[in-house]
Protein backbone atom coordinates (compact mmCIF):
# COMPACT_ATOMS: atom_id res chain seq x y z
CA UNK A 1 21.00 -31.83 83.85
CA UNK A 2 19.13 -28.74 82.73
CA UNK A 3 20.77 -25.98 80.75
CA UNK A 4 22.55 -23.56 83.04
CA UNK A 5 23.16 -19.92 82.08
CA UNK A 6 26.18 -20.02 84.37
CA UNK A 7 27.93 -22.52 82.09
CA UNK A 8 29.82 -21.15 79.10
CA UNK A 9 30.52 -24.60 77.63
CA UNK A 10 28.79 -27.87 78.45
CA UNK A 11 30.00 -31.25 77.19
CA UNK A 12 27.20 -33.70 77.93
CA UNK A 13 27.47 -37.46 77.61
CA UNK A 14 29.59 -37.18 74.47
CA UNK A 15 30.58 -40.44 72.78
CA UNK A 16 32.36 -40.77 69.45
CA UNK A 17 32.70 -44.07 67.61
CA UNK A 18 34.69 -44.76 64.44
CA UNK A 19 33.78 -47.71 62.21
CA UNK A 20 36.54 -50.05 61.17
CA UNK A 21 37.24 -50.94 57.56
CA UNK A 22 35.46 -54.25 58.10
CA UNK A 23 31.96 -53.41 59.25
CA UNK A 24 31.65 -56.77 60.98
CA UNK A 25 34.16 -55.60 63.60
CA UNK A 26 33.11 -53.54 66.57
CA UNK A 27 33.68 -49.79 66.12
CA UNK A 28 36.52 -48.00 67.85
CA UNK A 29 35.24 -46.07 70.86
CA UNK A 30 37.37 -42.93 70.85
CA UNK A 31 35.30 -40.94 73.38
CA UNK A 32 33.05 -42.76 75.82
CA UNK A 33 30.30 -40.81 77.62
CA UNK A 34 32.33 -37.75 78.65
CA UNK A 35 30.66 -34.88 80.53
CA UNK A 36 32.00 -31.66 82.04
CA UNK A 37 31.22 -27.94 82.17
CA UNK A 38 33.13 -24.66 82.13
CA UNK A 39 31.71 -21.75 84.13
CA UNK A 40 30.91 -18.53 82.34
CA UNK A 41 31.52 -16.12 85.18
CA UNK A 42 35.26 -16.36 85.72
CA UNK A 43 38.21 -17.53 83.58
CA UNK A 44 39.04 -21.19 84.12
CA UNK A 45 42.03 -23.34 83.27
CA UNK A 46 41.24 -27.02 82.70
CA UNK A 47 43.91 -29.55 81.68
CA UNK A 48 42.88 -32.87 80.12
CA UNK A 49 45.63 -35.46 80.57
CA UNK A 50 45.98 -38.92 79.08
CA UNK A 51 48.22 -41.26 77.13
CA UNK A 52 48.20 -41.46 73.35
CA UNK A 53 44.95 -43.09 72.27
CA UNK A 54 43.01 -41.91 75.32
CA UNK A 55 40.59 -39.85 73.20
CA UNK A 56 41.91 -36.36 73.98
CA UNK A 57 42.21 -35.15 70.39
CA UNK A 58 38.86 -36.60 69.32
CA UNK A 59 37.20 -34.84 72.26
CA UNK A 60 38.96 -31.63 71.18
CA UNK A 61 37.55 -31.99 67.66
CA UNK A 62 34.09 -32.61 69.13
CA UNK A 63 34.30 -29.35 71.08
CA UNK A 64 35.57 -27.37 68.07
CA UNK A 65 32.77 -28.59 65.83
CA UNK A 66 35.14 -30.52 63.55
CA UNK A 67 33.95 -34.07 64.37
CA UNK A 68 30.29 -34.57 65.31
CA UNK A 69 29.87 -36.95 68.27
CA UNK A 70 28.03 -40.21 67.77
CA UNK A 71 25.85 -39.32 70.75
CA UNK A 72 25.64 -36.59 73.36
CA UNK A 73 25.97 -32.86 72.81
CA UNK A 74 28.34 -29.91 73.07
CA UNK A 75 26.48 -26.83 74.25
CA UNK A 76 27.70 -23.26 73.94
CA UNK A 77 25.67 -21.01 76.22
CA UNK A 78 22.91 -23.63 76.16
CA UNK A 79 22.89 -24.08 72.36
CA UNK A 80 24.06 -27.28 70.65
CA UNK A 81 26.99 -26.23 68.43
CA UNK A 82 25.98 -28.78 65.79
CA UNK A 83 22.53 -27.17 65.41
CA UNK A 84 23.55 -23.52 65.26
CA UNK A 85 22.54 -20.99 62.64
CA UNK A 86 25.26 -19.39 60.52
CA UNK A 87 25.30 -16.28 62.73
CA UNK A 88 25.51 -18.34 65.93
CA UNK A 89 28.32 -20.43 64.45
CA UNK A 90 30.36 -17.32 63.60
CA UNK A 91 29.95 -16.09 67.19
CA UNK A 92 31.05 -19.46 68.52
CA UNK A 93 34.14 -19.58 66.31
CA UNK A 94 35.11 -16.12 67.47
CA UNK A 95 34.69 -16.91 71.15
CA UNK A 96 36.25 -20.40 71.05
CA UNK A 97 39.67 -20.40 69.41
CA UNK A 98 41.97 -23.42 68.82
CA UNK A 99 45.73 -23.82 69.10
CA UNK A 100 46.75 -27.03 67.34
CA UNK A 101 49.69 -29.37 67.86
CA UNK A 102 51.66 -28.67 64.69
CA UNK A 103 52.71 -25.00 64.55
CA UNK A 104 53.63 -25.27 60.87
CA UNK A 105 50.63 -27.10 59.40
CA UNK A 106 48.38 -24.30 60.68
CA UNK A 107 49.91 -21.84 58.22
CA UNK A 108 49.64 -21.48 54.47
CA UNK A 109 53.31 -21.50 53.36
CA UNK A 110 52.54 -19.20 50.39
CA UNK A 111 51.46 -16.28 52.59
CA UNK A 112 53.49 -14.10 54.88
CA UNK A 113 52.92 -14.22 58.62
CA UNK A 114 51.14 -10.85 58.45
CA UNK A 115 48.10 -12.52 56.89
CA UNK A 116 47.47 -14.65 60.00
CA UNK A 117 46.82 -11.42 61.91
CA UNK A 118 45.28 -9.36 59.11
CA UNK A 119 42.47 -11.83 58.38
CA UNK A 120 40.83 -11.75 61.85
CA UNK A 121 41.23 -7.95 62.00
CA UNK A 122 39.38 -7.65 58.70
CA UNK A 123 36.85 -10.41 59.33
CA UNK A 124 35.84 -9.21 62.79
CA UNK A 125 36.27 -5.49 62.01
CA UNK A 126 38.85 -4.96 64.75
CA UNK A 127 40.39 -1.82 63.19
CA UNK A 128 39.11 1.18 61.25
CA UNK A 129 42.26 1.88 59.22
CA UNK A 130 45.47 0.25 58.01
CA UNK A 131 47.49 2.20 60.54
CA UNK A 132 45.27 1.03 63.38
CA UNK A 133 45.44 -2.55 62.10
CA UNK A 134 49.23 -2.37 62.01
CA UNK A 135 49.31 -0.94 65.52
CA UNK A 136 47.07 -3.71 66.84
CA UNK A 137 49.20 -6.38 65.16
CA UNK A 138 52.35 -5.01 66.76
CA UNK A 139 50.67 -4.80 70.17
CA UNK A 140 49.53 -8.43 69.89
CA UNK A 141 53.01 -9.65 68.96
CA UNK A 142 54.61 -7.77 71.83
CA UNK A 143 52.04 -9.30 74.18
CA UNK A 144 53.43 -12.76 73.36
CA UNK A 145 57.09 -11.75 73.65
CA UNK A 146 57.77 -11.30 69.94
CA UNK A 147 59.35 -8.27 68.29
CA UNK A 148 57.21 -7.19 65.32
CA UNK A 149 60.29 -6.34 63.25
CA UNK A 150 61.50 -9.94 63.63
CA UNK A 151 58.36 -11.66 62.33
CA UNK A 152 56.22 -9.34 60.19
CA UNK A 153 56.96 -9.71 56.50
CA UNK A 154 58.41 -13.19 56.90
CA UNK A 155 57.13 -16.59 55.76
CA UNK A 156 56.24 -19.46 58.14
CA UNK A 157 59.31 -21.52 57.23
CA UNK A 158 61.54 -18.62 58.28
CA UNK A 159 60.32 -18.83 61.89
CA UNK A 160 60.90 -21.40 64.62
CA UNK A 161 58.15 -23.65 65.96
CA UNK A 162 57.96 -21.59 69.15
CA UNK A 163 57.58 -18.35 67.18
CA UNK A 164 54.82 -19.87 65.04
CA UNK A 165 52.89 -21.04 68.11
CA UNK A 166 53.24 -17.65 69.77
CA UNK A 167 51.91 -15.96 66.64
CA UNK A 168 48.81 -18.11 67.03
CA UNK A 169 48.53 -16.76 70.57
CA UNK A 170 48.98 -13.24 69.19
CA UNK A 171 46.03 -13.94 66.90
CA UNK A 172 44.03 -15.01 69.94
CA UNK A 173 45.12 -11.85 71.76
CA UNK A 174 43.67 -9.83 68.86
CA UNK A 175 40.35 -11.66 68.80
CA UNK A 176 40.00 -11.84 72.61
CA UNK A 177 37.88 -15.02 72.68
CA UNK A 178 36.33 -16.40 75.83
CA UNK A 179 38.00 -19.80 75.50
CA UNK A 180 41.20 -21.28 74.04
CA UNK A 181 41.29 -25.01 73.26
CA UNK A 182 44.96 -25.96 72.99
CA UNK A 183 45.66 -29.51 71.80
CA UNK A 184 49.23 -30.58 72.71
CA UNK A 185 50.55 -27.06 71.91
CA UNK A 186 54.03 -27.76 73.34
CA UNK A 187 54.86 -31.05 71.63
CA UNK A 188 56.79 -29.39 68.77
CA UNK A 189 58.30 -26.50 70.72
CA UNK A 190 61.84 -26.47 72.11
CA UNK A 191 61.98 -27.14 75.84
CA UNK A 192 63.54 -23.71 76.43
CA UNK A 193 60.40 -21.97 75.10
CA UNK A 194 57.72 -24.10 76.74
CA UNK A 195 57.65 -22.07 79.94
CA UNK A 196 57.28 -18.88 77.89
CA UNK A 197 54.25 -20.36 76.11
CA UNK A 198 52.65 -21.55 79.36
CA UNK A 199 53.19 -18.16 81.00
CA UNK A 200 51.38 -16.51 78.10
CA UNK A 201 48.40 -18.82 78.66
CA UNK A 202 48.39 -17.83 82.33
CA UNK A 203 48.62 -14.15 81.41
CA UNK A 204 45.67 -14.46 79.01
CA UNK A 205 43.64 -15.98 81.83
CA UNK A 206 44.69 -13.63 84.62
CA UNK A 207 44.87 -10.32 82.75
CA UNK A 208 42.45 -10.78 79.87
CA UNK A 209 39.81 -13.16 81.29
CA UNK A 210 40.35 -15.91 78.69
CA UNK A 211 39.66 -19.48 79.80
CA UNK A 212 41.71 -22.38 78.46
CA UNK A 213 41.24 -26.11 77.95
CA UNK A 214 44.77 -27.49 77.73
CA UNK A 215 45.13 -31.02 76.31
CA UNK A 216 48.40 -32.82 77.01
CA UNK A 217 50.10 -36.09 77.88
CA UNK A 218 52.77 -34.25 79.86
CA UNK A 219 52.05 -34.13 83.59
CA UNK A 220 54.87 -31.68 84.27
CA UNK A 221 53.40 -28.96 82.03
CA UNK A 222 49.92 -29.67 83.40
CA UNK A 223 51.18 -29.23 86.95
CA UNK A 224 52.91 -25.97 86.04
CA UNK A 225 49.64 -24.45 84.84
CA UNK A 226 47.58 -25.56 87.83
CA UNK A 227 43.80 -25.15 87.85
CA UNK A 228 41.50 -28.10 87.25
CA UNK A 229 42.43 -31.50 85.81
CA UNK A 230 40.68 -34.40 84.10
CA UNK A 231 42.41 -37.75 83.55
CA UNK A 232 41.31 -39.71 80.47
CA UNK A 233 41.83 -43.41 79.83
CA UNK A 234 40.56 -45.20 76.73
CA UNK A 235 37.96 -42.54 75.94
CA UNK A 236 36.66 -42.11 79.49
CA UNK A 237 37.30 -39.56 82.21
CA UNK A 238 38.38 -41.63 85.20
CA UNK A 239 39.44 -38.90 87.66
CA UNK A 240 38.81 -35.16 87.90
CA UNK A 241 39.22 -32.27 90.28
CA UNK A 242 41.84 -29.91 91.66
CA UNK A 243 45.24 -30.19 89.94
CA UNK A 244 47.40 -30.11 93.09
CA UNK A 245 45.24 -32.67 94.87
CA UNK A 246 45.23 -35.15 91.99
CA UNK A 247 48.97 -34.89 91.36
CA UNK A 248 50.00 -35.19 95.00
CA UNK A 249 47.26 -37.65 96.09
CA UNK A 250 46.04 -39.55 93.00
CA UNK A 251 43.09 -41.79 93.80
CA UNK A 252 42.43 -43.84 90.66
CA UNK A 253 44.91 -46.72 90.10
CA UNK A 254 45.46 -45.54 86.51
CA UNK A 255 46.33 -42.01 87.68
CA UNK A 256 48.67 -43.45 90.30
CA UNK A 257 50.56 -45.44 87.66
CA UNK A 258 50.55 -42.50 85.25
CA UNK A 259 52.20 -40.25 87.84
CA UNK A 260 54.52 -43.06 88.97
CA UNK A 261 55.86 -43.28 85.41
CA UNK A 262 57.13 -39.67 85.50
CA UNK A 263 60.93 -39.66 86.00
CA UNK A 264 62.04 -38.18 89.31
CA UNK A 265 64.80 -35.53 89.43
CA UNK A 266 66.08 -37.20 92.60
CA UNK A 267 69.12 -39.35 91.65
CA UNK A 268 68.46 -41.54 94.70
CA UNK A 269 65.23 -42.77 93.13
CA UNK A 270 65.97 -45.40 90.50
CA UNK A 271 63.39 -44.66 87.80
CA UNK A 272 64.53 -47.48 85.55
CA UNK A 273 63.67 -49.97 88.27
CA UNK A 274 60.30 -48.34 88.94
CA UNK A 275 59.54 -48.27 85.22
CA UNK A 276 60.33 -51.97 84.88
CA UNK A 277 58.14 -52.82 87.86
CA UNK A 278 55.12 -51.13 86.28
CA UNK A 279 55.84 -52.04 82.65
CA UNK A 280 53.27 -54.82 82.49
CA UNK A 281 50.64 -52.53 83.99
CA UNK A 282 51.30 -49.42 81.91
CA UNK A 283 52.52 -50.63 78.52
CA UNK A 284 51.55 -54.18 77.64
CA UNK A 285 48.10 -55.14 78.91
CA UNK A 286 45.11 -54.50 76.70
CA UNK A 287 42.43 -52.16 77.94
CA UNK A 288 38.78 -53.13 77.84
CA UNK A 289 36.28 -51.37 75.59
CA UNK A 290 33.16 -52.95 77.10
CA UNK A 291 30.78 -50.15 78.06
CA UNK A 292 29.59 -52.29 80.96
CA UNK A 293 33.03 -52.67 82.56
CA UNK A 294 35.92 -50.62 83.82
CA UNK A 295 38.46 -49.79 81.10
CA UNK A 296 41.36 -50.45 83.46
CA UNK A 297 40.64 -54.04 84.51
CA UNK A 298 43.50 -55.47 82.43
CA UNK A 299 46.08 -53.33 84.22
CA UNK A 300 44.64 -52.56 87.63
CA UNK A 301 46.44 -54.08 90.64
CA UNK A 302 43.20 -53.75 92.69
CA UNK A 303 40.76 -55.28 90.20
CA UNK A 304 37.59 -56.83 91.70
CA UNK A 305 34.94 -59.09 90.11
CA UNK A 306 32.50 -56.19 89.74
CA UNK A 307 35.03 -54.28 87.63
CA UNK A 308 34.55 -56.82 84.81
CA UNK A 309 30.77 -56.51 84.68
CA UNK A 310 29.89 -52.98 85.78
CA UNK A 311 30.89 -49.47 84.82
CA UNK A 312 32.12 -47.42 87.79
CA UNK A 313 30.52 -44.05 88.49
CA UNK A 314 32.22 -41.00 89.99
CA UNK A 315 32.64 -41.08 93.75
CA UNK A 316 33.77 -38.05 95.79
CA UNK A 317 37.20 -38.69 97.30
CA UNK A 318 37.77 -35.22 98.75
CA UNK A 319 35.71 -32.02 98.39
CA UNK A 320 37.80 -31.17 95.30
CA UNK A 321 38.38 -34.62 93.77
CA UNK A 322 36.28 -37.40 92.22
CA UNK A 323 37.27 -40.84 90.98
CA UNK A 324 35.41 -43.40 88.85
CA UNK A 325 36.64 -46.45 90.74
CA UNK A 326 34.92 -49.24 92.68
CA UNK A 327 37.81 -49.19 95.13
CA UNK A 328 36.04 -46.29 96.89
CA UNK A 329 32.48 -47.62 96.52
CA UNK A 330 31.23 -48.81 99.90
CA UNK A 331 28.44 -50.78 98.22
CA UNK A 332 30.88 -53.21 96.59
CA UNK A 333 34.06 -52.79 98.64
CA UNK A 334 33.66 -53.13 102.43
CA UNK A 335 37.16 -51.70 102.87
CA UNK A 336 36.36 -48.54 100.86
CA UNK A 337 36.38 -46.25 103.89
CA UNK A 338 39.92 -47.39 104.70
CA UNK A 339 41.32 -46.73 101.23
CA UNK A 340 43.26 -43.47 100.92
CA UNK A 341 44.64 -41.84 97.77
CA UNK A 342 48.31 -42.59 97.17
CA UNK A 343 50.74 -39.86 98.15
CA UNK A 344 53.18 -38.82 95.44
CA UNK A 345 56.18 -36.55 95.66
CA UNK A 346 55.45 -34.26 92.70
CA UNK A 347 55.09 -34.24 88.91
CA UNK A 348 58.05 -31.91 88.54
């Protein structure tokens, strides 16, 4: 695929392998030939969903320039981020901002919270005077539902996890990047504040034109945000497309089981029984790492001989949904035209 000026960020055939302590053993394949693009014209919200060990965080580090991929490339406006000049790298770091999982580890405990906001103002010359800098800091904090008098002058340990994460969003509000990459940003926030955080992400997209790649294992928070979705399994993207379509009509057997494992708020539906029925498929079986096979053969209830020897490619399921599954491939499954995505109630 040729470089496209319409794409702000291109992830192209990215694979990342980690060698084991014993070199004689096969390396761990953390990310396996992942490709996707973000448009540059309008703000986009993409959620990457997968279980622990699916490769989400490694892919995040690839995109942020923290872990070089073993193969493939991450392109920012057509330029490989791992071959940028110093000036290009500074521009990239300003326009692509991270929000990490641990809202405490991000901070230096010896500095007051003020420094988190003062540094980008000084580094990117966002204010001409101390009074203007103070005014911009207060505006940014108010934009993320924080009162400046409650947080400025305090140390990180004096704030809650939710306040610390929102201060990182205030920093992003100051910088006004083009893209936020948020890796499990809600995992250490109280449930009562998660909706507040998600609403801020939506506000940054809708009112300030900031795109977001949201990485999570939580389908409920993904569904709340909406937008586009990618499902990862053992380093690969196995389904992608419109959020509502995937959640309500999942096509890949892995996605179906992933959504089936979400507890239902309906007391008439016995989740414990459903969980037990799928336990062997979702918790115990080993997944394959063979690049020439489907990663889900050990768990899939629809496995076919070709799944053990060939890697499935993406097949359009609907105009807004694709699935990497031989179940929908007419060349190997004569019943493919009769297979319909499973209908689910909801991820709520």
